[in-house]
Full PDB file with SEQRES, HELIX, SHEET, SSBOND, CRYST1, ORIGX, SCALE, CONECT and MASTER records, all heavy atoms in Angstrom:
SEQRES   1 A   43  GLU ALA ILE GLN ASN LEU LYS TYR GLU VAL ALA ARG GLU          
SEQRES   2 A   43  LEU GLY VAL ASN LEU GLY ALA ASP THR SER SER ARG LEU          
SEQRES   3 A   43  ASN GLY SER VAL GLY GLY GLU MET THR LYS ARG LEU VAL          
SEQRES   4 A   43  GLU LEU GLY LYS                                              
HELIX    1 AA1 ALA A    2  LEU A   14  1                                  13    
HELIX    2 AA2 SER A   24  GLY A   42  1                                  19    
CRYST1    1.000    1.000    1.000  90.00  90.00  90.00 P 1           1          
ORIGX1      1.000000  0.000000  0.000000        0.00000                         
ORIGX2      0.000000  1.000000  0.000000        0.00000                         
ORIGX3      0.000000  0.000000  1.000000        0.00000                         
SCALE1      1.000000  0.000000  0.000000        0.00000                         
SCALE2      0.000000  1.000000  0.000000        0.00000                         
SCALE3      0.000000  0.000000  1.000000        0.00000                         
ATOM      1  N   GLU A   1       0.812  -1.227  -0.045  1.00  0.00           N  
ATOM      2  CA  GLU A   1       0.071  -0.002   0.031  1.00  0.00           C  
ATOM      3  C   GLU A   1       0.901   1.330  -0.004  1.00  0.00           C  
ATOM      4  O   GLU A   1       0.532   2.229  -0.655  1.00  0.00           O  
ATOM      5  CB  GLU A   1      -1.042   0.023   1.219  1.00  0.00           C  
ATOM      6  CG  GLU A   1      -2.000  -1.081   1.119  1.00  0.00           C  
ATOM      7  CD  GLU A   1      -1.542  -2.374   1.615  1.00  0.00           C  
ATOM      8  OE1 GLU A   1      -0.397  -2.540   2.147  1.00  0.00           O  
ATOM      9  OE2 GLU A   1      -2.275  -3.383   1.333  1.00  0.00           O  
ATOM     10  N   ALA A   2       1.889   1.176   0.665  1.00  0.00           N  
ATOM     11  CA  ALA A   2       2.828   2.415   0.778  1.00  0.00           C  
ATOM     12  C   ALA A   2       3.406   2.679  -0.546  1.00  0.00           C  
ATOM     13  O   ALA A   2       3.540   3.821  -1.032  1.00  0.00           O  
ATOM     14  CB  ALA A   2       3.970   2.176   1.864  1.00  0.00           C  
ATOM     15  N   ILE A   3       3.817   1.608  -1.322  1.00  0.00           N  
ATOM     16  CA  ILE A   3       4.449   1.766  -2.629  1.00  0.00           C  
ATOM     17  C   ILE A   3       3.421   2.380  -3.634  1.00  0.00           C  
ATOM     18  O   ILE A   3       3.732   3.228  -4.399  1.00  0.00           O  
ATOM     19  CB  ILE A   3       5.019   0.511  -3.135  1.00  0.00           C  
ATOM     20  CG1 ILE A   3       6.289   0.045  -2.301  1.00  0.00           C  
ATOM     21  CG2 ILE A   3       5.374   0.506  -4.542  1.00  0.00           C  
ATOM     22  CD1 ILE A   3       7.348   0.988  -2.413  1.00  0.00           C  
ATOM     23  N   GLN A   4       2.202   1.822  -3.462  1.00  0.00           N  
ATOM     24  CA  GLN A   4       1.141   2.354  -4.364  1.00  0.00           C  
ATOM     25  C   GLN A   4       0.784   3.762  -4.102  1.00  0.00           C  
ATOM     26  O   GLN A   4       0.721   4.580  -4.988  1.00  0.00           O  
ATOM     27  CB  GLN A   4      -0.216   1.505  -4.119  1.00  0.00           C  
ATOM     28  CG  GLN A   4      -0.132  -0.009  -4.805  1.00  0.00           C  
ATOM     29  CD  GLN A   4      -0.120   0.132  -6.215  1.00  0.00           C  
ATOM     30  OE1 GLN A   4      -0.635   0.950  -6.872  1.00  0.00           O  
ATOM     31  NE2 GLN A   4       0.877  -0.800  -6.690  1.00  0.00           N  
ATOM     32  N   ASN A   5       0.777   4.124  -2.783  1.00  0.00           N  
ATOM     33  CA  ASN A   5       0.548   5.550  -2.440  1.00  0.00           C  
ATOM     34  C   ASN A   5       1.654   6.426  -2.996  1.00  0.00           C  
ATOM     35  O   ASN A   5       1.391   7.626  -3.564  1.00  0.00           O  
ATOM     36  CB  ASN A   5       0.514   5.781  -0.962  1.00  0.00           C  
ATOM     37  CG  ASN A   5      -0.769   5.162  -0.446  1.00  0.00           C  
ATOM     38  OD1 ASN A   5      -1.766   5.018  -1.033  1.00  0.00           O  
ATOM     39  ND2 ASN A   5      -0.714   4.905   0.894  1.00  0.00           N  
ATOM     40  N   LEU A   6       2.969   5.966  -2.864  1.00  0.00           N  
ATOM     41  CA  LEU A   6       3.987   6.728  -3.350  1.00  0.00           C  
ATOM     42  C   LEU A   6       3.977   6.933  -4.873  1.00  0.00           C  
ATOM     43  O   LEU A   6       4.248   7.992  -5.396  1.00  0.00           O  
ATOM     44  CB  LEU A   6       5.429   5.919  -3.017  1.00  0.00           C  
ATOM     45  CG  LEU A   6       6.665   6.652  -3.562  1.00  0.00           C  
ATOM     46  CD1 LEU A   6       6.863   8.100  -2.990  1.00  0.00           C  
ATOM     47  CD2 LEU A   6       7.794   5.770  -3.147  1.00  0.00           C  
ATOM     48  N   LYS A   7       3.641   5.856  -5.525  1.00  0.00           N  
ATOM     49  CA  LYS A   7       3.472   5.839  -6.999  1.00  0.00           C  
ATOM     50  C   LYS A   7       2.480   6.963  -7.504  1.00  0.00           C  
ATOM     51  O   LYS A   7       2.797   7.774  -8.287  1.00  0.00           O  
ATOM     52  CB  LYS A   7       3.023   4.581  -7.555  1.00  0.00           C  
ATOM     53  CG  LYS A   7       2.792   4.474  -9.060  1.00  0.00           C  
ATOM     54  CD  LYS A   7       2.482   3.195  -9.659  1.00  0.00           C  
ATOM     55  CE  LYS A   7       1.221   2.494  -9.147  1.00  0.00           C  
ATOM     56  NZ  LYS A   7       0.932   1.193  -9.783  1.00  0.00           N  
ATOM     57  N   TYR A   8       1.382   7.043  -6.906  1.00  0.00           N  
ATOM     58  CA  TYR A   8       0.311   8.037  -7.235  1.00  0.00           C  
ATOM     59  C   TYR A   8       0.746   9.512  -6.707  1.00  0.00           C  
ATOM     60  O   TYR A   8       0.304  10.415  -7.492  1.00  0.00           O  
ATOM     61  CB  TYR A   8      -1.008   7.597  -6.777  1.00  0.00           C  
ATOM     62  CG  TYR A   8      -1.598   6.489  -7.597  1.00  0.00           C  
ATOM     63  CD1 TYR A   8      -1.600   5.131  -7.042  1.00  0.00           C  
ATOM     64  CD2 TYR A   8      -1.944   6.547  -8.901  1.00  0.00           C  
ATOM     65  CE1 TYR A   8      -2.007   4.112  -7.871  1.00  0.00           C  
ATOM     66  CE2 TYR A   8      -2.419   5.652  -9.733  1.00  0.00           C  
ATOM     67  CZ  TYR A   8      -2.295   4.317  -9.153  1.00  0.00           C  
ATOM     68  OH  TYR A   8      -2.763   3.277  -9.879  1.00  0.00           O  
ATOM     69  N   GLU A   9       1.376   9.558  -5.609  1.00  0.00           N  
ATOM     70  CA  GLU A   9       1.935  10.860  -5.193  1.00  0.00           C  
ATOM     71  C   GLU A   9       2.944  11.402  -6.196  1.00  0.00           C  
ATOM     72  O   GLU A   9       2.744  12.602  -6.568  1.00  0.00           O  
ATOM     73  CB  GLU A   9       2.537  10.640  -3.816  1.00  0.00           C  
ATOM     74  CG  GLU A   9       3.139  11.905  -3.222  1.00  0.00           C  
ATOM     75  CD  GLU A   9       3.823  11.671  -1.924  1.00  0.00           C  
ATOM     76  OE1 GLU A   9       3.463  10.958  -1.172  1.00  0.00           O  
ATOM     77  OE2 GLU A   9       4.836  12.383  -1.727  1.00  0.00           O  
ATOM     78  N   VAL A  10       3.806  10.597  -6.630  1.00  0.00           N  
ATOM     79  CA  VAL A  10       4.834  11.130  -7.534  1.00  0.00           C  
ATOM     80  C   VAL A  10       4.286  11.376  -8.855  1.00  0.00           C  
ATOM     81  O   VAL A  10       4.503  12.422  -9.410  1.00  0.00           O  
ATOM     82  CB  VAL A  10       5.948   9.903  -7.746  1.00  0.00           C  
ATOM     83  CG1 VAL A  10       6.844  10.244  -8.892  1.00  0.00           C  
ATOM     84  CG2 VAL A  10       6.757   9.811  -6.412  1.00  0.00           C  
ATOM     85  N   ALA A  11       3.243  10.582  -9.407  1.00  0.00           N  
ATOM     86  CA  ALA A  11       2.672  10.794 -10.645  1.00  0.00           C  
ATOM     87  C   ALA A  11       1.851  12.151 -10.552  1.00  0.00           C  
ATOM     88  O   ALA A  11       1.887  12.838 -11.506  1.00  0.00           O  
ATOM     89  CB  ALA A  11       1.644   9.649 -10.859  1.00  0.00           C  
ATOM     90  N   ARG A  12       1.272  12.346  -9.415  1.00  0.00           N  
ATOM     91  CA  ARG A  12       0.480  13.624  -9.227  1.00  0.00           C  
ATOM     92  C   ARG A  12       1.440  14.819  -9.278  1.00  0.00           C  
ATOM     93  O   ARG A  12       1.209  15.762  -9.950  1.00  0.00           O  
ATOM     94  CB  ARG A  12      -0.374  13.637  -7.953  1.00  0.00           C  
ATOM     95  CG  ARG A  12      -1.350  14.609  -7.757  1.00  0.00           C  
ATOM     96  CD  ARG A  12      -2.290  14.375  -6.535  1.00  0.00           C  
ATOM     97  NE  ARG A  12      -1.578  13.954  -5.339  1.00  0.00           N  
ATOM     98  CZ  ARG A  12      -1.588  12.745  -4.793  1.00  0.00           C  
ATOM     99  NH1 ARG A  12      -2.263  11.802  -5.485  1.00  0.00           N  
ATOM    100  NH2 ARG A  12      -0.979  12.369  -3.761  1.00  0.00           N  
ATOM    101  N   GLU A  13       2.613  14.754  -8.581  1.00  0.00           N  
ATOM    102  CA  GLU A  13       3.542  15.739  -8.635  1.00  0.00           C  
ATOM    103  C   GLU A  13       4.177  16.092  -9.967  1.00  0.00           C  
ATOM    104  O   GLU A  13       4.485  17.124 -10.295  1.00  0.00           O  
ATOM    105  CB  GLU A  13       4.730  15.416  -7.535  1.00  0.00           C  
ATOM    106  CG  GLU A  13       4.232  15.602  -6.146  1.00  0.00           C  
ATOM    107  CD  GLU A  13       5.312  15.046  -5.176  1.00  0.00           C  
ATOM    108  OE1 GLU A  13       6.469  14.863  -5.633  1.00  0.00           O  
ATOM    109  OE2 GLU A  13       5.006  14.934  -3.994  1.00  0.00           O  
ATOM    110  N   LEU A  14       4.340  14.938 -10.776  1.00  0.00           N  
ATOM    111  CA  LEU A  14       4.947  15.173 -12.041  1.00  0.00           C  
ATOM    112  C   LEU A  14       3.894  15.422 -13.084  1.00  0.00           C  
ATOM    113  O   LEU A  14       4.213  15.698 -14.229  1.00  0.00           O  
ATOM    114  CB  LEU A  14       5.616  13.802 -12.529  1.00  0.00           C  
ATOM    115  CG  LEU A  14       6.896  13.423 -11.674  1.00  0.00           C  
ATOM    116  CD1 LEU A  14       7.469  12.203 -12.148  1.00  0.00           C  
ATOM    117  CD2 LEU A  14       7.953  14.536 -11.598  1.00  0.00           C  
ATOM    118  N   GLY A  15       2.620  15.408 -12.795  1.00  0.00           N  
ATOM    119  CA  GLY A  15       1.576  15.790 -13.700  1.00  0.00           C  
ATOM    120  C   GLY A  15       1.342  14.603 -14.707  1.00  0.00           C  
ATOM    121  O   GLY A  15       0.924  14.850 -15.801  1.00  0.00           O  
ATOM    122  N   VAL A  16       1.576  13.338 -14.273  1.00  0.00           N  
ATOM    123  CA  VAL A  16       1.479  12.176 -15.103  1.00  0.00           C  
ATOM    124  C   VAL A  16       0.237  11.404 -14.757  1.00  0.00           C  
ATOM    125  O   VAL A  16      -0.062  11.153 -13.624  1.00  0.00           O  
ATOM    126  CB  VAL A  16       2.691  11.277 -14.920  1.00  0.00           C  
ATOM    127  CG1 VAL A  16       2.431  10.002 -15.739  1.00  0.00           C  
ATOM    128  CG2 VAL A  16       3.887  12.015 -15.507  1.00  0.00           C  
ATOM    129  N   ASN A  17      -0.643  11.095 -15.824  1.00  0.00           N  
ATOM    130  CA  ASN A  17      -1.827  10.252 -15.571  1.00  0.00           C  
ATOM    131  C   ASN A  17      -1.391   8.875 -15.919  1.00  0.00           C  
ATOM    132  O   ASN A  17      -1.127   8.502 -17.059  1.00  0.00           O  
ATOM    133  CB  ASN A  17      -2.990  10.707 -16.499  1.00  0.00           C  
ATOM    134  CG  ASN A  17      -3.508  12.009 -16.057  1.00  0.00           C  
ATOM    135  OD1 ASN A  17      -3.745  12.354 -14.940  1.00  0.00           O  
ATOM    136  ND2 ASN A  17      -3.916  12.879 -17.074  1.00  0.00           N  
ATOM    137  N   LEU A  18      -1.193   8.010 -14.921  1.00  0.00           N  
ATOM    138  CA  LEU A  18      -0.679   6.687 -15.133  1.00  0.00           C  
ATOM    139  C   LEU A  18      -1.751   5.868 -15.946  1.00  0.00           C  
ATOM    140  O   LEU A  18      -2.946   6.053 -15.691  1.00  0.00           O  
ATOM    141  CB  LEU A  18      -0.428   5.985 -13.724  1.00  0.00           C  
ATOM    142  CG  LEU A  18       0.706   6.590 -13.027  1.00  0.00           C  
ATOM    143  CD1 LEU A  18       0.853   5.933 -11.594  1.00  0.00           C  
ATOM    144  CD2 LEU A  18       1.977   6.443 -13.743  1.00  0.00           C  
ATOM    145  N   GLY A  19      -1.319   4.929 -16.734  1.00  0.00           N  
ATOM    146  CA  GLY A  19      -2.145   4.041 -17.415  1.00  0.00           C  
ATOM    147  C   GLY A  19      -1.720   3.614 -18.829  1.00  0.00           C  
ATOM    148  O   GLY A  19      -0.629   4.153 -19.229  1.00  0.00           O  
ATOM    149  N   ALA A  20      -2.391   2.819 -19.478  1.00  0.00           N  
ATOM    150  CA  ALA A  20      -2.100   2.344 -20.804  1.00  0.00           C  
ATOM    151  C   ALA A  20      -2.105   3.395 -21.828  1.00  0.00           C  
ATOM    152  O   ALA A  20      -1.428   3.310 -22.814  1.00  0.00           O  
ATOM    153  CB  ALA A  20      -3.026   1.203 -21.082  1.00  0.00           C  
ATOM    154  N   ASP A  21      -2.813   4.473 -21.631  1.00  0.00           N  
ATOM    155  CA  ASP A  21      -2.904   5.589 -22.649  1.00  0.00           C  
ATOM    156  C   ASP A  21      -1.751   6.530 -22.458  1.00  0.00           C  
ATOM    157  O   ASP A  21      -1.454   7.527 -23.339  1.00  0.00           O  
ATOM    158  CB  ASP A  21      -4.195   6.339 -22.483  1.00  0.00           C  
ATOM    159  CG  ASP A  21      -5.394   5.452 -22.910  1.00  0.00           C  
ATOM    160  OD1 ASP A  21      -5.203   4.472 -23.630  1.00  0.00           O  
ATOM    161  OD2 ASP A  21      -6.566   5.767 -22.440  1.00  0.00           O  
ATOM    162  N   THR A  22      -0.882   6.383 -21.437  1.00  0.00           N  
ATOM    163  CA  THR A  22       0.206   7.273 -21.181  1.00  0.00           C  
ATOM    164  C   THR A  22       1.540   6.564 -21.776  1.00  0.00           C  
ATOM    165  O   THR A  22       1.670   5.416 -21.858  1.00  0.00           O  
ATOM    166  CB  THR A  22       0.391   7.490 -19.730  1.00  0.00           C  
ATOM    167  OG1 THR A  22      -0.707   8.005 -19.109  1.00  0.00           O  
ATOM    168  CG2 THR A  22       1.500   8.521 -19.393  1.00  0.00           C  
ATOM    169  N   SER A  23       2.317   7.493 -22.343  1.00  0.00           N  
ATOM    170  CA  SER A  23       3.640   6.833 -22.978  1.00  0.00           C  
ATOM    171  C   SER A  23       4.411   6.116 -21.887  1.00  0.00           C  
ATOM    172  O   SER A  23       4.444   6.549 -20.728  1.00  0.00           O  
ATOM    173  CB  SER A  23       4.407   7.963 -23.567  1.00  0.00           C  
ATOM    174  OG  SER A  23       5.001   8.796 -22.552  1.00  0.00           O  
ATOM    175  N   SER A  24       5.197   5.185 -22.396  1.00  0.00           N  
ATOM    176  CA  SER A  24       6.060   4.462 -21.419  1.00  0.00           C  
ATOM    177  C   SER A  24       7.055   5.302 -20.926  1.00  0.00           C  
ATOM    178  O   SER A  24       7.563   5.138 -19.710  1.00  0.00           O  
ATOM    179  CB  SER A  24       6.739   3.274 -22.177  1.00  0.00           C  
ATOM    180  OG  SER A  24       7.493   3.573 -23.342  1.00  0.00           O  
ATOM    181  N   ARG A  25       7.592   6.429 -21.532  1.00  0.00           N  
ATOM    182  CA  ARG A  25       8.482   7.307 -21.044  1.00  0.00           C  
ATOM    183  C   ARG A  25       7.905   8.043 -19.881  1.00  0.00           C  
ATOM    184  O   ARG A  25       8.511   8.184 -18.791  1.00  0.00           O  
ATOM    185  CB  ARG A  25       8.876   8.340 -22.065  1.00  0.00           C  
ATOM    186  CG  ARG A  25       9.886   9.399 -21.570  1.00  0.00           C  
ATOM    187  CD  ARG A  25      10.303  10.405 -22.699  1.00  0.00           C  
ATOM    188  NE  ARG A  25      11.172   9.617 -23.547  1.00  0.00           N  
ATOM    189  CZ  ARG A  25      12.354  10.119 -23.920  1.00  0.00           C  
ATOM    190  NH1 ARG A  25      12.593  11.314 -23.640  1.00  0.00           N  
ATOM    191  NH2 ARG A  25      13.127   9.459 -24.637  1.00  0.00           N  
ATOM    192  N   LEU A  26       6.644   8.533 -19.912  1.00  0.00           N  
ATOM    193  CA  LEU A  26       6.012   9.234 -18.766  1.00  0.00           C  
ATOM    194  C   LEU A  26       5.804   8.291 -17.571  1.00  0.00           C  
ATOM    195  O   LEU A  26       6.067   8.563 -16.505  1.00  0.00           O  
ATOM    196  CB  LEU A  26       4.753   9.943 -19.206  1.00  0.00           C  
ATOM    197  CG  LEU A  26       4.874  11.181 -20.080  1.00  0.00           C  
ATOM    198  CD1 LEU A  26       3.576  11.609 -20.517  1.00  0.00           C  
ATOM    199  CD2 LEU A  26       5.671  12.217 -19.269  1.00  0.00           C  
ATOM    200  N   ASN A  27       5.284   7.167 -17.965  1.00  0.00           N  
ATOM    201  CA  ASN A  27       5.109   6.044 -16.820  1.00  0.00           C  
ATOM    202  C   ASN A  27       6.416   5.720 -16.224  1.00  0.00           C  
ATOM    203  O   ASN A  27       6.512   5.590 -15.045  1.00  0.00           O  
ATOM    204  CB  ASN A  27       4.445   4.938 -17.452  1.00  0.00           C  
ATOM    205  CG  ASN A  27       2.909   5.011 -17.640  1.00  0.00           C  
ATOM    206  OD1 ASN A  27       2.223   5.669 -16.825  1.00  0.00           O  
ATOM    207  ND2 ASN A  27       2.408   4.259 -18.537  1.00  0.00           N  
ATOM    208  N   GLY A  28       7.491   5.592 -16.979  1.00  0.00           N  
ATOM    209  CA  GLY A  28       8.854   5.298 -16.543  1.00  0.00           C  
ATOM    210  C   GLY A  28       9.384   6.387 -15.682  1.00  0.00           C  
ATOM    211  O   GLY A  28      10.140   6.106 -14.756  1.00  0.00           O  
ATOM    212  N   SER A  29       9.021   7.601 -16.044  1.00  0.00           N  
ATOM    213  CA  SER A  29       9.536   8.746 -15.231  1.00  0.00           C  
ATOM    214  C   SER A  29       9.027   8.648 -13.780  1.00  0.00           C  
ATOM    215  O   SER A  29       9.759   9.061 -12.824  1.00  0.00           O  
ATOM    216  CB  SER A  29       9.166  10.047 -15.763  1.00  0.00           C  
ATOM    217  OG  SER A  29       7.748  10.284 -15.701  1.00  0.00           O  
ATOM    218  N   VAL A  30       7.831   8.121 -13.545  1.00  0.00           N  
ATOM    219  CA  VAL A  30       7.242   7.977 -12.276  1.00  0.00           C  
ATOM    220  C   VAL A  30       8.113   6.935 -11.494  1.00  0.00           C  
ATOM    221  O   VAL A  30       8.525   7.028 -10.261  1.00  0.00           O  
ATOM    222  CB  VAL A  30       5.761   7.553 -12.311  1.00  0.00           C  
ATOM    223  CG1 VAL A  30       5.289   7.207 -10.842  1.00  0.00           C  
ATOM    224  CG2 VAL A  30       4.909   8.698 -12.877  1.00  0.00           C  
ATOM    225  N   GLY A  31       8.360   5.786 -12.163  1.00  0.00           N  
ATOM    226  CA  GLY A  31       9.185   4.667 -11.525  1.00  0.00           C  
ATOM    227  C   GLY A  31      10.556   5.121 -11.208  1.00  0.00           C  
ATOM    228  O   GLY A  31      11.114   4.852 -10.130  1.00  0.00           O  
ATOM    229  N   GLY A  32      11.208   5.990 -12.127  1.00  0.00           N  
ATOM    230  CA  GLY A  32      12.505   6.559 -11.812  1.00  0.00           C  
ATOM    231  C   GLY A  32      12.542   7.537 -10.673  1.00  0.00           C  
ATOM    232  O   GLY A  32      13.505   7.355  -9.848  1.00  0.00           O  
ATOM    233  N   GLU A  33      11.513   8.329 -10.538  1.00  0.00           N  
ATOM    234  CA  GLU A  33      11.521   9.180  -9.343  1.00  0.00           C  
ATOM    235  C   GLU A  33      11.213   8.354  -8.085  1.00  0.00           C  
ATOM    236  O   GLU A  33      11.781   8.682  -7.059  1.00  0.00           O  
ATOM    237  CB  GLU A  33      10.364  10.283  -9.519  1.00  0.00           C  
ATOM    238  CG  GLU A  33      10.258  11.236  -8.525  1.00  0.00           C  
ATOM    239  CD  GLU A  33      11.515  12.137  -8.222  1.00  0.00           C  
ATOM    240  OE1 GLU A  33      12.330  12.265  -9.185  1.00  0.00           O  
ATOM    241  OE2 GLU A  33      11.641  12.712  -7.210  1.00  0.00           O  
ATOM    242  N   MET A  34      10.377   7.367  -8.105  1.00  0.00           N  
ATOM    243  CA  MET A  34      10.127   6.537  -6.993  1.00  0.00           C  
ATOM    244  C   MET A  34      11.351   5.899  -6.517  1.00  0.00           C  
ATOM    245  O   MET A  34      11.606   5.992  -5.250  1.00  0.00           O  
ATOM    246  CB  MET A  34       9.143   5.467  -7.338  1.00  0.00           C  
ATOM    247  CG  MET A  34       7.683   5.906  -7.502  1.00  0.00           C  
ATOM    248  SD  MET A  34       6.647   4.574  -8.049  1.00  0.00           S  
ATOM    249  CE  MET A  34       6.759   3.391  -6.621  1.00  0.00           C  
ATOM    250  N   THR A  35      12.243   5.369  -7.457  1.00  0.00           N  
ATOM    251  CA  THR A  35      13.443   4.753  -7.138  1.00  0.00           C  
ATOM    252  C   THR A  35      14.379   5.722  -6.507  1.00  0.00           C  
ATOM    253  O   THR A  35      15.072   5.445  -5.439  1.00  0.00           O  
ATOM    254  CB  THR A  35      14.083   4.075  -8.368  1.00  0.00           C  
ATOM    255  OG1 THR A  35      13.192   3.097  -8.921  1.00  0.00           O  
ATOM    256  CG2 THR A  35      15.509   3.421  -8.046  1.00  0.00           C  
ATOM    257  N   LYS A  36      14.541   6.877  -7.067  1.00  0.00           N  
ATOM    258  CA  LYS A  36      15.400   8.016  -6.593  1.00  0.00           C  
ATOM    259  C   LYS A  36      14.982   8.219  -5.083  1.00  0.00           C  
ATOM    260  O   LYS A  36      15.911   8.313  -4.146  1.00  0.00           O  
ATOM    261  CB  LYS A  36      15.223   9.205  -7.394  1.00  0.00           C  
ATOM    262  CG  LYS A  36      16.033  10.325  -7.018  1.00  0.00           C  
ATOM    263  CD  LYS A  36      15.898  11.361  -7.999  1.00  0.00           C  
ATOM    264  CE  LYS A  36      15.942  12.692  -7.503  1.00  0.00           C  
ATOM    265  NZ  LYS A  36      15.779  13.813  -8.490  1.00  0.00           N  
ATOM    266  N   ARG A  37      13.742   8.430  -4.646  1.00  0.00           N  
ATOM    267  CA  ARG A  37      13.319   8.716  -3.482  1.00  0.00           C  
ATOM    268  C   ARG A  37      13.481   7.534  -2.456  1.00  0.00           C  
ATOM    269  O   ARG A  37      13.891   7.750  -1.423  1.00  0.00           O  
ATOM    270  CB  ARG A  37      11.704   9.042  -3.497  1.00  0.00           C  
ATOM    271  CG  ARG A  37      11.501  10.363  -4.109  1.00  0.00           C  
ATOM    272  CD  ARG A  37      10.058  10.723  -3.988  1.00  0.00           C  
ATOM    273  NE  ARG A  37       9.833  11.889  -4.928  1.00  0.00           N  
ATOM    274  CZ  ARG A  37       8.629  12.541  -4.874  1.00  0.00           C  
ATOM    275  NH1 ARG A  37       7.709  12.082  -4.118  1.00  0.00           N  
ATOM    276  NH2 ARG A  37       8.563  13.692  -5.702  1.00  0.00           N  
ATOM    277  N   LEU A  38      13.346   6.244  -2.933  1.00  0.00           N  
ATOM    278  CA  LEU A  38      13.477   5.145  -2.020  1.00  0.00           C  
ATOM    279  C   LEU A  38      14.951   5.016  -1.733  1.00  0.00           C  
ATOM    280  O   LEU A  38      15.341   4.646  -0.518  1.00  0.00           O  
ATOM    281  CB  LEU A  38      12.898   3.962  -2.701  1.00  0.00           C  
ATOM    282  CG  LEU A  38      11.421   3.862  -2.648  1.00  0.00           C  
ATOM    283  CD1 LEU A  38      10.962   2.683  -3.560  1.00  0.00           C  
ATOM    284  CD2 LEU A  38      10.772   3.845  -1.283  1.00  0.00           C  
ATOM    285  N   VAL A  39      15.898   5.229  -2.647  1.00  0.00           N  
ATOM    286  CA  VAL A  39      17.286   5.279  -2.448  1.00  0.00           C  
ATOM    287  C   VAL A  39      17.680   6.201  -1.416  1.00  0.00           C  
ATOM    288  O   VAL A  39      18.451   6.034  -0.479  1.00  0.00           O  
ATOM    289  CB  VAL A  39      18.075   5.314  -3.672  1.00  0.00           C  
ATOM    290  CG1 VAL A  39      19.605   5.583  -3.380  1.00  0.00           C  
ATOM    291  CG2 VAL A  39      17.806   4.110  -4.606  1.00  0.00           C  
ATOM    292  N   GLU A  40      17.129   7.487  -1.488  1.00  0.00           N  
ATOM    293  CA  GLU A  40      17.397   8.603  -0.546  1.00  0.00           C  
ATOM    294  C   GLU A  40      16.998   8.108   0.816  1.00  0.00           C  
ATOM    295  O   GLU A  40      17.771   8.388   1.767  1.00  0.00           O  
ATOM    296  CB  GLU A  40      16.828   9.869  -0.978  1.00  0.00           C  
ATOM    297  CG  GLU A  40      17.656  10.620  -2.093  1.00  0.00           C  
ATOM    298  CD  GLU A  40      19.038  10.896  -1.632  1.00  0.00           C  
ATOM    299  OE1 GLU A  40      19.385  11.367  -0.567  1.00  0.00           O  
ATOM    300  OE2 GLU A  40      19.864  10.575  -2.480  1.00  0.00           O  
ATOM    301  N   LEU A  41      15.821   7.595   0.895  1.00  0.00           N  
ATOM    302  CA  LEU A  41      15.369   7.120   2.297  1.00  0.00           C  
ATOM    303  C   LEU A  41      16.270   6.074   2.829  1.00  0.00           C  
ATOM    304  O   LEU A  41      16.572   6.074   4.010  1.00  0.00           O  
ATOM    305  CB  LEU A  41      13.950   6.481   2.143  1.00  0.00           C  
ATOM    306  CG  LEU A  41      12.746   7.486   2.066  1.00  0.00           C  
ATOM    307  CD1 LEU A  41      11.470   6.869   1.745  1.00  0.00           C  
ATOM    308  CD2 LEU A  41      12.685   8.287   3.255  1.00  0.00           C  
ATOM    309  N   GLY A  42      16.697   5.177   2.069  1.00  0.00           N  
ATOM    310  CA  GLY A  42      17.608   4.040   2.417  1.00  0.00           C  
ATOM    311  C   GLY A  42      19.025   4.715   2.992  1.00  0.00           C  
ATOM    312  O   GLY A  42      19.500   4.287   3.921  1.00  0.00           O  
ATOM    313  N   LYS A  43      19.479   5.606   2.255  1.00  0.00           N  
ATOM    314  CA  LYS A  43      20.694   6.310   2.677  1.00  0.00           C  
ATOM    315  C   LYS A  43      20.558   6.979   4.051  1.00  0.00           C  
ATOM    316  O   LYS A  43      21.438   6.889   4.790  1.00  0.00           O  
ATOM    317  CB  LYS A  43      21.173   7.235   1.515  1.00  0.00           C  
ATOM    318  CG  LYS A  43      21.729   6.669   0.387  1.00  0.00           C  
ATOM    319  CD  LYS A  43      22.142   7.790  -0.654  1.00  0.00           C  
ATOM    320  CE  LYS A  43      22.669   7.231  -1.947  1.00  0.00           C  
ATOM    321  NZ  LYS A  43      23.033   8.341  -2.855  1.00  0.00           N  
TER     322      LYS A  43                                                      
MASTER        0    0    0    2    0    0    0    6  321    1    0    4          
END                                                                             
């Protein structure tokens, strides 16, 4: 649930509407930002 919340929070901040109609580049930008934030939390 926490990961799902993070995904939608990041998408909202980036202005990305997640889904099949969105380009893989935009969907991927959400995953990239999530990874960046999770790495920072780990550090």
